[in-house]
């Protein structure tokens, strides 16, 4: 049963994202929205955790939230997919359940 995990807190300010990674199962999807979008940037202390998670999970970031924080898509970790709001809806529909990490 695939689950979509939605994270909205920065991994540099809260432990919410670490908790998500610890509970997400193989085949699950993780979507970074709002302040969590900064976690998608390559070269940070958090990048290695996401790269390891991508071995068996799909990772996404909301493009509009990257832009709102002055970040460009060319700075994100290779393999992380950007989605727009329609893509967010598709992810929700494509997964059996969702879990919001607040």
C-alpha atoms as a PDB file:
ATOM      1  CA  UNK A   1       0.000   0.000   0.000  1.00  0.00           C
ATOM      2  CA  UNK A   2       1.832   3.099  -1.259  1.00  0.00           C
ATOM      3  CA  UNK A   3       1.651   6.263   0.811  1.00  0.00           C
ATOM      4  CA  UNK A   4       2.296   9.896  -0.038  1.00  0.00           C
ATOM      5  CA  UNK A   5       4.163  11.667   2.763  1.00  0.00           C
ATOM      6  CA  UNK A   6       3.743  15.455   2.663  1.00  0.00           C
ATOM      7  CA  UNK A   7       6.360  17.441   4.575  1.00  0.00           C
ATOM      8  CA  UNK A   8       6.075  21.206   5.095  1.00  0.00           C
ATOM      9  CA  UNK A   9       8.807  21.972   7.674  1.00  0.00           C
ATOM     10  CA  UNK A  10      12.431  22.787   6.876  1.00  0.00           C
ATOM     11  CA  UNK A  11      14.797  19.940   7.774  1.00  0.00           C
ATOM     12  CA  UNK A  12      17.161  22.610   9.111  1.00  0.00           C
ATOM     13  CA  UNK A  13      14.682  23.866  11.736  1.00  0.00           C
ATOM     14  CA  UNK A  14      12.575  20.851  12.795  1.00  0.00           C
ATOM     15  CA  UNK A  15      13.006  17.068  13.110  1.00  0.00           C
ATOM     16  CA  UNK A  16       9.753  16.453  11.240  1.00  0.00           C
ATOM     17  CA  UNK A  17      11.509  15.548   7.986  1.00  0.00           C
ATOM     18  CA  UNK A  18      13.819  13.081   9.768  1.00  0.00           C
ATOM     19  CA  UNK A  19      10.752  11.465  11.355  1.00  0.00           C
ATOM     20  CA  UNK A  20       9.153  11.151   7.936  1.00  0.00           C
ATOM     21  CA  UNK A  21      12.233   9.469   6.481  1.00  0.00           C
ATOM     22  CA  UNK A  22      12.331   7.083   9.413  1.00  0.00           C
ATOM     23  CA  UNK A  23       8.727   5.993   8.896  1.00  0.00           C
ATOM     24  CA  UNK A  24       8.419   6.017   5.095  1.00  0.00           C
ATOM     25  CA  UNK A  25       8.476   2.580   3.491  1.00  0.00           C
ATOM     26  CA  UNK A  26       9.963   1.348   0.243  1.00  0.00           C
ATOM     27  CA  UNK A  27       7.729   2.389  -2.649  1.00  0.00           C
ATOM     28  CA  UNK A  28       6.333   5.427  -0.843  1.00  0.00           C
ATOM     29  CA  UNK A  29       6.477   8.962  -2.208  1.00  0.00           C
ATOM     30  CA  UNK A  30       7.615  12.059  -0.317  1.00  0.00           C
ATOM     31  CA  UNK A  31       6.508  15.537  -1.354  1.00  0.00           C
ATOM     32  CA  UNK A  32       8.290  18.607   0.006  1.00  0.00           C
ATOM     33  CA  UNK A  33       6.094  21.693   0.223  1.00  0.00           C
ATOM     34  CA  UNK A  34       6.382  25.128   1.844  1.00  0.00           C
ATOM     35  CA  UNK A  35       9.592  25.422   3.939  1.00  0.00           C
ATOM     36  CA  UNK A  36      10.485  21.757   3.367  1.00  0.00           C
ATOM     37  CA  UNK A  37      11.383  22.716  -0.219  1.00  0.00           C
ATOM     38  CA  UNK A  38      14.778  23.972   0.995  1.00  0.00           C
ATOM     39  CA  UNK A  39      15.642  20.351   1.811  1.00  0.00           C
ATOM     40  CA  UNK A  40      15.797  19.569  -1.914  1.00  0.00           C
ATOM     41  CA  UNK A  41      18.917  21.684  -2.430  1.00  0.00           C
ATOM     42  CA  UNK A  42      22.072  19.726  -3.216  1.00  0.00           C
ATOM     43  CA  UNK A  43      25.245  20.186  -1.196  1.00  0.00           C
ATOM     44  CA  UNK A  44      23.567  20.620   2.196  1.00  0.00           C
ATOM     45  CA  UNK A  45      23.940  18.554   5.355  1.00  0.00           C
ATOM     46  CA  UNK A  46      20.514  17.041   4.633  1.00  0.00           C
ATOM     47  CA  UNK A  47      21.215  16.094   1.004  1.00  0.00           C
ATOM     48  CA  UNK A  48      22.839  12.748   1.828  1.00  0.00           C
ATOM     49  CA  UNK A  49      19.746  11.628   3.767  1.00  0.00           C
ATOM     50  CA  UNK A  50      17.524  12.367   0.778  1.00  0.00           C
ATOM     51  CA  UNK A  51      19.908  10.676  -1.643  1.00  0.00           C
ATOM     52  CA  UNK A  52      19.821   7.548   0.524  1.00  0.00           C
ATOM     53  CA  UNK A  53      16.008   7.682   0.694  1.00  0.00           C
ATOM     54  CA  UNK A  54      15.795   7.874  -3.095  1.00  0.00           C
ATOM     55  CA  UNK A  55      17.112   4.311  -3.305  1.00  0.00           C
ATOM     56  CA  UNK A  56      13.591   3.009  -2.675  1.00  0.00           C
ATOM     57  CA  UNK A  57      11.312   6.054  -2.463  1.00  0.00           C
ATOM     58  CA  UNK A  58      10.197   8.711  -4.938  1.00  0.00           C
ATOM     59  CA  UNK A  59      10.987  12.272  -3.853  1.00  0.00           C
ATOM     60  CA  UNK A  60       9.182  15.370  -5.144  1.00  0.00           C
ATOM     61  CA  UNK A  61       9.267  19.089  -4.446  1.00  0.00           C
ATOM     62  CA  UNK A  62       6.605  21.669  -5.207  1.00  0.00           C
ATOM     63  CA  UNK A  63       8.144  23.980  -7.811  1.00  0.00           C
ATOM     64  CA  UNK A  64       6.194  27.042  -6.687  1.00  0.00           C
ATOM     65  CA  UNK A  65       7.554  26.700  -3.156  1.00  0.00           C
ATOM     66  CA  UNK A  66      11.122  26.561  -4.471  1.00  0.00           C
ATOM     67  CA  UNK A  67      10.498  29.749  -6.439  1.00  0.00           C
ATOM     68  CA  UNK A  68       8.824  31.461  -3.477  1.00  0.00           C
ATOM     69  CA  UNK A  69      12.015  30.903  -1.486  1.00  0.00           C
ATOM     70  CA  UNK A  70      14.294  32.248  -4.208  1.00  0.00           C
ATOM     71  CA  UNK A  71      15.602  28.796  -5.164  1.00  0.00           C
ATOM     72  CA  UNK A  72      15.977  27.492  -8.695  1.00  0.00           C
ATOM     73  CA  UNK A  73      15.342  23.980  -9.949  1.00  0.00           C
ATOM     74  CA  UNK A  74      18.939  23.668 -11.179  1.00  0.00           C
ATOM     75  CA  UNK A  75      20.107  23.583  -7.529  1.00  0.00           C
ATOM     76  CA  UNK A  76      18.066  20.564  -6.440  1.00  0.00           C
ATOM     77  CA  UNK A  77      19.426  17.062  -5.909  1.00  0.00           C
ATOM     78  CA  UNK A  78      19.530  14.935  -9.062  1.00  0.00           C
ATOM     79  CA  UNK A  79      16.589  12.572  -9.068  1.00  0.00           C
ATOM     80  CA  UNK A  80      14.180  14.791  -7.167  1.00  0.00           C
ATOM     81  CA  UNK A  81      11.239  15.612  -9.391  1.00  0.00           C
ATOM     82  CA  UNK A  82       9.521  18.991  -9.372  1.00  0.00           C
ATOM     83  CA  UNK A  83       5.745  19.149  -9.553  1.00  0.00           C
ATOM     84  CA  UNK A  84       3.211  21.924  -9.895  1.00  0.00           C
ATOM     85  CA  UNK A  85      -0.147  22.013  -8.118  1.00  0.00           C
ATOM     86  CA  UNK A  86      -1.702  19.683 -10.703  1.00  0.00           C
ATOM     87  CA  UNK A  87       1.158  17.260 -10.039  1.00  0.00           C
ATOM     88  CA  UNK A  88       0.437  17.524  -6.315  1.00  0.00           C
ATOM     89  CA  UNK A  89      -3.149  16.463  -7.013  1.00  0.00           C
ATOM     90  CA  UNK A  90      -1.929  13.598  -9.216  1.00  0.00           C
ATOM     91  CA  UNK A  91       0.379  12.350  -6.454  1.00  0.00           C
ATOM     92  CA  UNK A  92      -2.511  12.407  -4.008  1.00  0.00           C
ATOM     93  CA  UNK A  93      -4.698  10.424  -6.408  1.00  0.00           C
ATOM     94  CA  UNK A  94      -1.930   7.959  -7.312  1.00  0.00           C
ATOM     95  CA  UNK A  95      -1.232   6.937  -3.709  1.00  0.00           C
ATOM     96  CA  UNK A  96      -3.614   4.934  -1.562  1.00  0.00           C
ATOM     97  CA  UNK A  97      -3.119   7.091   1.543  1.00  0.00           C
ATOM     98  CA  UNK A  98      -1.471  10.335   2.552  1.00  0.00           C
ATOM     99  CA  UNK A  99       0.358  11.379   5.705  1.00  0.00           C
ATOM    100  CA  UNK A 100       1.031  15.037   6.453  1.00  0.00           C
ATOM    101  CA  UNK A 101       4.088  15.666   8.624  1.00  0.00           C
ATOM    102  CA  UNK A 102       3.506  18.892  10.523  1.00  0.00           C
END
